[in-house]
N, C-alpha and C. Protein backbone atom coordinates (compact mmCIF):
# COMPACT_ATOMS: atom_id res chain seq x y z
N MET A 1 97.21 122.22 109.97
CA MET A 1 97.80 121.46 109.26
C MET A 1 97.72 120.18 109.10
N GLU A 2 97.36 119.07 108.34
CA GLU A 2 96.74 117.64 108.58
C GLU A 2 98.15 117.56 109.19
N ARG A 3 97.66 116.22 109.60
CA ARG A 3 98.45 115.68 110.91
C ARG A 3 98.76 114.26 109.87
N GLY A 4 100.33 114.50 109.77
CA GLY A 4 100.86 113.25 109.06
C GLY A 4 101.50 113.53 107.73
N SER A 5 101.29 115.19 107.79
CA SER A 5 101.09 115.43 105.99
C SER A 5 102.23 116.75 106.41
N TRP A 6 103.03 117.02 104.99
CA TRP A 6 103.88 117.66 105.01
C TRP A 6 103.47 118.81 104.14
N GLY A 7 103.20 119.89 104.44
CA GLY A 7 102.70 120.98 103.79
C GLY A 7 103.59 121.75 102.95
N GLY A 8 104.70 122.01 102.96
CA GLY A 8 105.40 122.53 102.98
C GLY A 8 107.24 122.13 103.00
N CYS A 9 108.10 122.85 101.92
CA CYS A 9 109.69 122.26 102.01
C CYS A 9 109.49 123.14 103.53
N HIS A 10 109.81 124.53 103.52
CA HIS A 10 110.40 124.87 105.04
C HIS A 10 109.54 124.93 106.25
N ARG A 11 107.72 124.73 106.20
CA ARG A 11 107.38 124.62 107.51
C ARG A 11 107.19 123.31 108.33
N LYS A 12 106.89 124.07 109.64
CA LYS A 12 107.11 123.61 109.98
C LYS A 12 105.88 122.03 110.60
N ALA A 13 106.69 120.49 110.42
CA ALA A 13 105.12 119.52 111.01
C ALA A 13 105.48 118.49 111.53
N LYS A 14 104.60 118.45 112.25
CA LYS A 14 104.66 117.30 113.22
C LYS A 14 105.06 115.77 112.63
N ILE A 15 105.87 114.67 112.62
CA ILE A 15 105.77 113.64 112.25
C ILE A 15 104.82 112.37 113.37
N PRO A 16 103.99 111.56 112.40
CA PRO A 16 102.88 110.74 113.52
C PRO A 16 104.08 109.47 114.36
N GLY A 17 103.70 110.27 116.11
CA GLY A 17 104.58 109.79 116.52
C GLY A 17 105.12 110.29 117.67
N THR A 18 105.13 111.57 116.82
CA THR A 18 107.08 112.25 117.39
C THR A 18 106.94 113.08 118.63
N ALA A 19 107.77 113.32 118.92
CA ALA A 19 107.44 114.81 119.89
C ALA A 19 107.79 116.31 118.86
N HIS A 20 108.93 116.59 118.93
CA HIS A 20 109.37 116.58 118.22
C HIS A 20 108.74 117.77 116.67
N VAL A 21 109.27 118.46 116.18
CA VAL A 21 109.47 119.28 115.20
C VAL A 21 110.47 119.65 113.97
N ILE A 22 109.80 119.49 113.36
CA ILE A 22 110.96 119.48 112.56
C ILE A 22 110.80 120.76 110.95
N GLY A 23 112.11 121.35 110.86
CA GLY A 23 112.25 122.87 110.16
C GLY A 23 113.02 122.77 108.93
N MET A 24 112.97 121.38 108.14
CA MET A 24 114.22 121.63 107.54
C MET A 24 113.38 121.12 106.14
N LYS A 25 114.46 121.27 105.16
CA LYS A 25 113.51 121.61 103.44
C LYS A 25 113.67 119.77 103.74
N LEU A 26 112.68 119.47 102.94
CA LEU A 26 111.96 117.90 102.81
C LEU A 26 112.97 117.71 101.68
N THR A 27 113.60 116.60 101.59
CA THR A 27 114.34 115.58 100.82
C THR A 27 113.56 114.24 101.27
N TRP A 28 114.22 113.39 99.92
CA TRP A 28 113.64 111.22 100.06
C TRP A 28 114.57 110.93 101.40
N GLU A 29 115.48 111.57 101.45
CA GLU A 29 116.31 111.43 102.67
C GLU A 29 115.92 111.33 103.97
N LEU A 30 115.41 112.55 104.09
CA LEU A 30 114.88 112.99 105.51
C LEU A 30 113.84 112.51 106.42
N LEU A 31 112.83 112.76 105.13
CA LEU A 31 111.56 111.83 105.00
C LEU A 31 111.87 109.97 105.23
N ILE A 32 112.81 109.52 104.30
CA ILE A 32 112.72 107.92 104.66
C ILE A 32 114.11 107.66 106.39
N LYS A 33 114.03 108.65 106.68
CA LYS A 33 114.92 108.57 108.46
C LYS A 33 113.88 108.80 108.83
N HIS A 34 113.38 109.73 108.98
CA HIS A 34 112.37 109.74 109.73
C HIS A 34 110.96 108.81 109.77
N LEU A 35 110.25 108.47 109.17
CA LEU A 35 109.52 107.05 109.13
C LEU A 35 110.58 105.75 109.06
N SER A 36 112.15 106.09 109.20
CA SER A 36 112.02 104.80 109.84
C SER A 36 112.42 104.57 111.10
N GLU A 37 112.05 105.53 111.98
CA GLU A 37 112.60 105.59 112.78
C GLU A 37 110.41 105.01 114.02
N HIS A 38 109.60 105.04 113.22
CA HIS A 38 108.23 104.21 113.77
C HIS A 38 108.00 102.64 113.04
N GLU A 39 107.09 102.85 113.59
CA GLU A 39 107.05 101.04 112.97
C GLU A 39 106.25 100.96 111.48
N PRO A 40 106.51 100.22 110.87
CA PRO A 40 106.37 99.83 109.21
C PRO A 40 104.43 100.18 109.69
N GLY A 41 104.03 101.19 108.39
CA GLY A 41 102.84 100.72 107.70
C GLY A 41 102.33 102.33 108.06
N VAL A 42 103.80 103.19 109.22
CA VAL A 42 103.22 104.95 109.17
C VAL A 42 103.32 105.40 107.68
N LYS A 43 102.27 105.99 107.84
CA LYS A 43 102.08 106.70 106.23
C LYS A 43 102.24 108.15 106.71
N ILE A 44 102.37 108.39 105.20
CA ILE A 44 102.86 110.14 105.13
C ILE A 44 102.06 110.83 104.03
N LYS A 45 101.41 111.40 104.08
CA LYS A 45 101.23 112.36 102.72
C LYS A 45 101.68 113.29 102.40
N VAL A 46 102.71 113.52 100.58
CA VAL A 46 103.55 114.40 100.88
C VAL A 46 103.52 114.54 99.52
N PRO A 47 102.71 116.56 99.56
CA PRO A 47 102.40 117.15 98.27
C PRO A 47 103.53 117.02 96.99
N LYS A 48 102.91 116.43 96.06
CA LYS A 48 104.42 115.83 94.72
C LYS A 48 105.23 116.73 94.57
N ASP A 49 104.80 117.90 94.61
CA ASP A 49 105.61 119.09 94.17
C ASP A 49 106.89 119.27 95.15
N ARG A 50 106.67 119.04 96.50
CA ARG A 50 107.25 118.77 97.91
C ARG A 50 108.94 117.91 97.66
N LEU A 51 109.02 117.13 96.77
CA LEU A 51 109.90 116.11 97.01
C LEU A 51 109.85 115.85 94.84
N GLU A 52 111.17 115.13 94.90
CA GLU A 52 111.29 114.32 93.63
C GLU A 52 111.19 113.06 92.94
N HIS A 53 110.83 113.23 92.04
CA HIS A 53 110.01 111.73 91.43
C HIS A 53 111.08 110.68 91.85
N PRO A 54 110.20 109.70 92.25
CA PRO A 54 111.01 108.48 93.40
C PRO A 54 111.59 107.38 92.43
N LEU A 55 110.72 107.91 91.19
CA LEU A 55 112.73 106.56 89.95
C LEU A 55 113.56 107.78 90.46
N LYS A 56 113.85 109.06 89.81
CA LYS A 56 114.86 109.78 89.78
C LYS A 56 116.14 109.68 90.96
N VAL A 57 115.31 109.10 92.56
CA VAL A 57 116.57 109.30 93.40
C VAL A 57 116.81 107.52 94.26
N GLY A 58 115.86 106.80 92.38
CA GLY A 58 116.91 105.11 93.03
C GLY A 58 115.35 103.93 93.35
N PHE A 59 113.87 104.27 93.43
CA PHE A 59 113.50 103.77 93.75
C PHE A 59 113.53 103.06 92.61
N ARG A 60 112.62 102.15 92.87
CA ARG A 60 112.31 101.31 91.37
C ARG A 60 110.88 101.22 91.43
N LYS A 61 109.74 100.88 89.82
CA LYS A 61 108.41 100.64 90.27
C LYS A 61 107.96 99.24 90.62
N SER A 62 107.03 99.41 91.21
CA SER A 62 106.37 98.41 91.81
C SER A 62 104.86 98.43 91.49
N VAL A 63 104.60 97.60 92.55
CA VAL A 63 102.67 96.80 92.81
C VAL A 63 102.29 97.24 94.35
N GLY A 64 100.92 97.41 93.67
CA GLY A 64 100.47 97.49 95.66
C GLY A 64 98.99 97.24 95.57
N LEU A 65 98.57 96.86 96.59
CA LEU A 65 96.91 96.31 96.99
C LEU A 65 96.08 97.79 95.82
N ARG A 66 96.59 98.78 95.48
CA ARG A 66 95.67 99.81 94.75
C ARG A 66 96.69 99.81 93.54
N PHE A 67 96.04 99.15 92.86
CA PHE A 67 97.32 98.61 91.59
C PHE A 67 96.96 99.56 90.64
N TYR A 68 95.49 99.93 91.07
CA TYR A 68 95.27 101.53 89.64
C TYR A 68 96.02 102.62 89.98
N ARG A 69 97.01 102.93 90.68
CA ARG A 69 98.19 103.72 91.11
C ARG A 69 99.59 103.32 90.29
N ARG A 70 100.25 104.30 90.41
CA ARG A 70 101.26 103.86 90.58
C ARG A 70 102.44 103.76 91.92
N ASN A 71 103.51 102.13 91.64
CA ASN A 71 103.64 102.48 93.35
C ASN A 71 105.17 102.22 93.02
N TYR A 72 106.35 102.58 93.54
CA TYR A 72 107.29 102.59 93.95
C TYR A 72 107.59 102.33 94.99
N ARG A 73 109.27 101.14 95.27
CA ARG A 73 110.06 100.91 95.81
C ARG A 73 111.37 100.83 96.52
N LEU A 74 111.46 101.72 97.42
CA LEU A 74 113.34 101.57 97.79
C LEU A 74 113.74 100.48 98.76
N THR A 75 115.00 99.87 98.61
CA THR A 75 114.91 98.36 99.38
C THR A 75 115.80 99.80 100.45
N LEU A 76 115.93 99.20 102.01
CA LEU A 76 116.53 99.41 102.73
C LEU A 76 117.74 98.99 103.52
N PRO A 77 119.03 99.19 103.54
CA PRO A 77 119.84 98.00 104.14
C PRO A 77 118.96 96.08 105.06
N ASP A 78 118.22 97.04 105.86
CA ASP A 78 118.26 96.26 106.55
C ASP A 78 116.99 95.08 106.41
N GLY A 79 116.43 94.98 105.14
CA GLY A 79 115.55 94.41 104.98
C GLY A 79 114.59 95.13 104.41
N ARG A 80 113.82 95.88 104.75
CA ARG A 80 112.48 96.73 104.78
C ARG A 80 112.74 97.43 103.80
N CYS A 81 111.33 98.06 103.14
CA CYS A 81 111.17 98.86 101.75
C CYS A 81 110.56 100.10 102.51
N VAL A 82 110.90 101.38 101.51
CA VAL A 82 109.96 102.42 101.82
C VAL A 82 108.92 102.19 99.88
N HIS A 83 107.98 101.99 100.61
CA HIS A 83 106.65 101.96 99.64
C HIS A 83 105.80 103.23 99.63
N VAL A 84 105.89 104.36 97.84
CA VAL A 84 105.57 105.37 97.67
C VAL A 84 104.30 105.09 96.88
N GLU A 85 103.06 105.26 96.75
CA GLU A 85 101.67 105.21 96.15
C GLU A 85 101.83 106.79 95.60
N GLU A 86 101.87 106.62 94.24
CA GLU A 86 101.30 108.10 93.77
C GLU A 86 100.23 108.33 93.37
N THR A 87 99.18 109.53 94.08
CA THR A 87 97.90 109.46 93.98
C THR A 87 98.20 111.08 92.70
N ARG A 88 97.19 111.52 92.63
CA ARG A 88 97.25 112.91 91.09
C ARG A 88 97.90 114.19 91.76
N ARG A 89 98.03 114.04 93.35
CA ARG A 89 98.33 114.86 94.01
C ARG A 89 99.19 114.85 94.91
N HIS A 90 99.95 113.85 95.60
CA HIS A 90 100.57 112.88 96.80
C HIS A 90 100.87 112.56 96.79
N TYR A 91 101.93 111.78 97.14
CA TYR A 91 102.72 110.57 97.53
C TYR A 91 102.26 110.13 98.65
N LEU A 92 101.11 108.71 98.82
CA LEU A 92 101.49 108.00 99.86
C LEU A 92 102.86 107.05 100.22
N VAL A 93 103.30 108.07 101.85
CA VAL A 93 104.61 106.69 101.60
C VAL A 93 104.37 106.52 102.96
N HIS A 94 105.42 105.26 102.40
CA HIS A 94 105.39 104.52 104.55
C HIS A 94 106.70 102.90 104.21
N VAL A 95 106.72 102.32 105.63
CA VAL A 95 108.10 102.08 105.61
C VAL A 95 106.79 100.43 105.74
N ASP A 96 107.23 99.48 104.88
CA ASP A 96 106.62 97.71 104.76
C ASP A 96 107.88 97.13 105.42
N ALA A 97 108.06 96.41 106.64
CA ALA A 97 108.40 95.77 107.34
C ALA A 97 109.37 94.48 106.01
N ARG A 98 108.71 93.96 105.57
CA ARG A 98 109.45 92.92 104.27
C ARG A 98 109.53 93.50 102.57
N ASP A 99 110.18 93.58 101.88
CA ASP A 99 110.64 94.05 101.31
C ASP A 99 109.92 92.90 99.85
N PRO A 100 108.96 93.03 98.93
CA PRO A 100 108.40 91.94 98.52
C PRO A 100 109.11 91.21 97.28
N GLY A 101 110.55 92.28 97.11
CA GLY A 101 110.93 92.44 96.86
C GLY A 101 111.91 90.73 96.44
N VAL A 102 112.44 91.20 97.99
CA VAL A 102 113.18 90.20 98.47
C VAL A 102 112.66 88.61 99.18
N SER A 103 111.16 89.28 100.20
CA SER A 103 110.63 88.02 100.55
C SER A 103 109.43 88.02 100.74
N PRO A 104 108.58 87.80 99.62
CA PRO A 104 107.26 87.74 99.11
C PRO A 104 106.72 87.21 100.09
N ILE A 105 106.75 86.24 100.42
CA ILE A 105 105.91 85.68 101.50
C ILE A 105 105.77 86.29 103.05
N GLY A 106 107.53 86.74 103.06
CA GLY A 106 107.41 87.37 104.55
C GLY A 106 106.75 89.09 104.55
N HIS A 107 106.76 89.51 102.95
CA HIS A 107 105.91 90.60 103.35
C HIS A 107 104.31 90.03 103.06
N LEU A 108 103.72 89.46 102.46
CA LEU A 108 102.06 89.73 102.62
C LEU A 108 102.19 88.82 103.84
N ARG A 109 102.46 88.47 104.93
CA ARG A 109 102.50 87.90 106.24
C ARG A 109 102.00 88.93 107.13
N GLU A 110 103.47 90.15 107.05
CA GLU A 110 104.21 91.37 107.53
C GLU A 110 103.13 92.39 106.91
N ASP A 111 102.61 92.51 106.28
CA ASP A 111 102.45 94.00 105.62
C ASP A 111 100.86 94.02 104.55
N ALA A 112 101.07 92.46 104.47
CA ALA A 112 98.98 92.44 103.64
C ALA A 112 98.93 91.06 104.19
N PRO A 113 98.35 90.85 105.67
CA PRO A 113 97.60 90.12 106.24
C PRO A 113 96.56 89.26 105.50
N GLY A 114 95.83 90.40 105.55
CA GLY A 114 94.38 90.53 104.63
C GLY A 114 94.57 89.81 103.57
N LEU A 115 95.49 89.53 102.77
CA LEU A 115 95.74 89.14 101.55
C LEU A 115 96.71 87.83 101.76
N TRP A 116 96.95 87.93 102.68
CA TRP A 116 98.09 86.03 103.00
C TRP A 116 97.18 85.28 103.62
N THR A 117 95.83 86.01 104.07
CA THR A 117 94.90 85.27 104.61
C THR A 117 93.80 84.68 103.68
N ALA A 118 93.42 85.22 102.40
CA ALA A 118 92.87 84.86 101.87
C ALA A 118 93.41 84.06 100.86
N LEU A 119 93.89 84.55 100.65
CA LEU A 119 95.55 83.33 99.88
C LEU A 119 95.83 82.13 100.30
N CYS A 120 96.06 82.08 101.99
CA CYS A 120 95.57 80.92 102.81
C CYS A 120 94.09 80.03 102.97
N ALA A 121 93.69 80.78 102.87
CA ALA A 121 91.27 80.17 102.86
C ALA A 121 91.91 79.55 101.06
N GLY A 122 92.21 80.00 100.27
CA GLY A 122 92.15 79.64 98.39
C GLY A 122 92.25 78.65 98.75
N ILE A 123 94.19 78.48 99.36
CA ILE A 123 94.85 77.25 99.29
C ILE A 123 94.06 75.81 100.17
N GLY A 124 93.09 76.71 101.00
CA GLY A 124 93.02 75.29 101.67
C GLY A 124 91.86 74.80 101.30
N MET A 125 90.44 75.85 100.65
CA MET A 125 89.48 75.50 99.80
C MET A 125 90.21 74.72 98.85
N SER A 126 90.81 74.92 97.88
CA SER A 126 91.48 74.19 96.47
C SER A 126 92.76 72.43 97.24
N ALA A 127 92.64 72.86 97.98
CA ALA A 127 92.97 71.44 98.63
C ALA A 127 92.06 69.97 99.12
N GLY A 128 90.92 71.11 99.46
CA GLY A 128 89.62 70.52 99.76
C GLY A 128 88.76 69.75 99.52
N LEU A 129 89.10 71.32 97.92
CA LEU A 129 88.44 70.11 96.79
C LEU A 129 89.15 69.37 96.06
N LEU A 130 89.73 69.19 96.09
CA LEU A 130 90.70 67.81 95.36
C LEU A 130 91.04 66.35 96.75
N ALA A 131 90.72 66.78 97.46
CA ALA A 131 90.65 65.94 98.84
C ALA A 131 89.07 64.95 99.24
N GLY A 132 87.77 66.09 98.16
CA GLY A 132 86.58 65.25 98.38
C GLY A 132 86.95 64.40 97.70
N GLY A 133 87.18 63.97 96.43
CA GLY A 133 87.24 63.32 95.82
C GLY A 133 86.00 63.93 94.88
N LYS A 134 85.14 62.61 94.12
CA LYS A 134 84.36 62.88 92.84
C LYS A 134 82.74 63.06 93.73
N ASP A 135 82.85 62.61 94.98
CA ASP A 135 81.46 62.90 95.65
C ASP A 135 80.86 64.50 96.17
N GLN A 136 80.42 64.41 95.30
CA GLN A 136 79.65 65.68 95.30
C GLN A 136 79.12 66.42 96.87
N LYS A 137 79.00 65.41 98.16
CA LYS A 137 78.96 65.72 99.38
C LYS A 137 79.98 65.79 100.44
N HIS A 138 80.90 65.24 99.58
CA HIS A 138 82.41 65.43 100.54
C HIS A 138 82.66 66.19 99.86
N ARG A 139 82.93 66.66 98.46
CA ARG A 139 84.03 68.11 98.22
C ARG A 139 83.02 69.37 98.92
N GLY A 140 82.56 69.34 99.04
CA GLY A 140 81.29 70.79 99.88
C GLY A 140 81.75 71.07 101.35
N LEU A 141 81.72 69.55 101.57
CA LEU A 141 82.43 69.55 102.91
C LEU A 141 83.60 69.68 103.34
N ALA A 142 84.76 68.73 102.97
CA ALA A 142 86.05 68.76 102.63
C ALA A 142 86.01 70.18 101.93
N SER A 143 85.58 71.20 101.24
CA SER A 143 86.32 72.59 100.77
C SER A 143 85.91 73.21 101.59
N ALA A 144 84.78 73.45 102.34
CA ALA A 144 85.21 73.90 103.41
C ALA A 144 85.95 74.04 104.98
N LEU A 145 85.98 72.64 105.36
CA LEU A 145 86.79 72.44 106.24
C LEU A 145 88.00 73.48 105.62
N GLY A 146 88.53 73.24 104.44
CA GLY A 146 90.07 73.50 103.77
C GLY A 146 90.27 74.82 103.87
N ALA A 147 89.05 75.61 103.71
CA ALA A 147 89.13 77.20 103.91
C ALA A 147 88.71 77.65 105.14
N ILE A 148 88.09 76.98 105.71
CA ILE A 148 88.89 77.38 107.16
C ILE A 148 89.28 76.84 108.15
N LEU A 149 90.07 75.62 107.36
CA LEU A 149 91.76 75.57 108.15
C LEU A 149 93.28 76.77 107.10
N GLY A 150 92.37 77.06 106.19
CA GLY A 150 93.26 78.12 105.30
C GLY A 150 93.06 79.59 106.53
N LEU A 151 92.19 79.40 106.70
CA LEU A 151 91.65 80.54 107.24
C LEU A 151 92.66 80.61 108.97
N LEU A 152 92.22 79.69 109.24
CA LEU A 152 92.87 80.11 110.62
C LEU A 152 94.52 79.88 110.54
N ILE A 153 94.92 79.12 109.49
CA ILE A 153 96.31 78.92 109.47
C ILE A 153 97.09 80.78 109.02
N GLY A 154 96.04 81.61 107.82
CA GLY A 154 96.37 82.44 107.56
C GLY A 154 96.57 83.44 108.54
N PHE A 155 95.61 83.46 109.48
CA PHE A 155 95.22 84.35 110.24
C PHE A 155 96.59 83.94 111.95
N LEU A 156 96.98 82.71 111.61
CA LEU A 156 97.91 82.46 112.99
C LEU A 156 98.93 82.72 112.21
N THR A 157 99.39 82.90 111.05
CA THR A 157 100.77 83.04 110.67
C THR A 157 100.94 84.05 110.10
N GLY A 158 100.25 85.07 110.18
CA GLY A 158 100.14 86.34 109.39
C GLY A 158 100.49 87.41 110.43
N ARG A 159 100.38 88.85 110.64
CA ARG A 159 100.65 89.56 111.21
C ARG A 159 99.92 89.78 112.63
N TRP A 160 98.55 89.58 111.82
CA TRP A 160 97.61 89.53 112.74
C TRP A 160 97.49 88.69 114.45
N GLY A 161 98.23 87.14 113.62
CA GLY A 161 98.24 86.52 114.75
C GLY A 161 98.87 86.84 116.03
N ARG A 162 100.83 87.44 115.63
CA ARG A 162 101.58 87.52 116.65
C ARG A 162 101.25 88.65 117.47
N LYS A 163 100.22 89.86 117.40
CA LYS A 163 100.16 90.76 118.04
C LYS A 163 99.60 90.94 119.25
């Protein structure tokens, strides 16, 4: 069996990072319970025919980095959320450290640090363009410096800067 994959309702499957084996029927409640015991970002691939559709059990429609897939989220009591990406045959499930519906900036910083850093670089470059004025030489230099400063800020304030 593929590591991190649930192959059947009653088959035993290891959840990444755990030493124990589970032989119970798979439900969203059980899957969320076990995912919650791990660091955010641990992904599990589950065949779609092994679970109810996420919308039937309280998930809401959402967006993700792979915008061409259907995405669903369920907010957890501690502010984290379960993120489900639906593919043709599987659900890719993981827990995010921050729910984007509760804390969009926190979600970008914790769960999408690459996007957070790119956003900071874009803001820095735009600020540099504005600060550079009408002189083309100064605008180019100011926008480059702004982008570099934005990259540094994004890196240091995102998840990558705190590891």
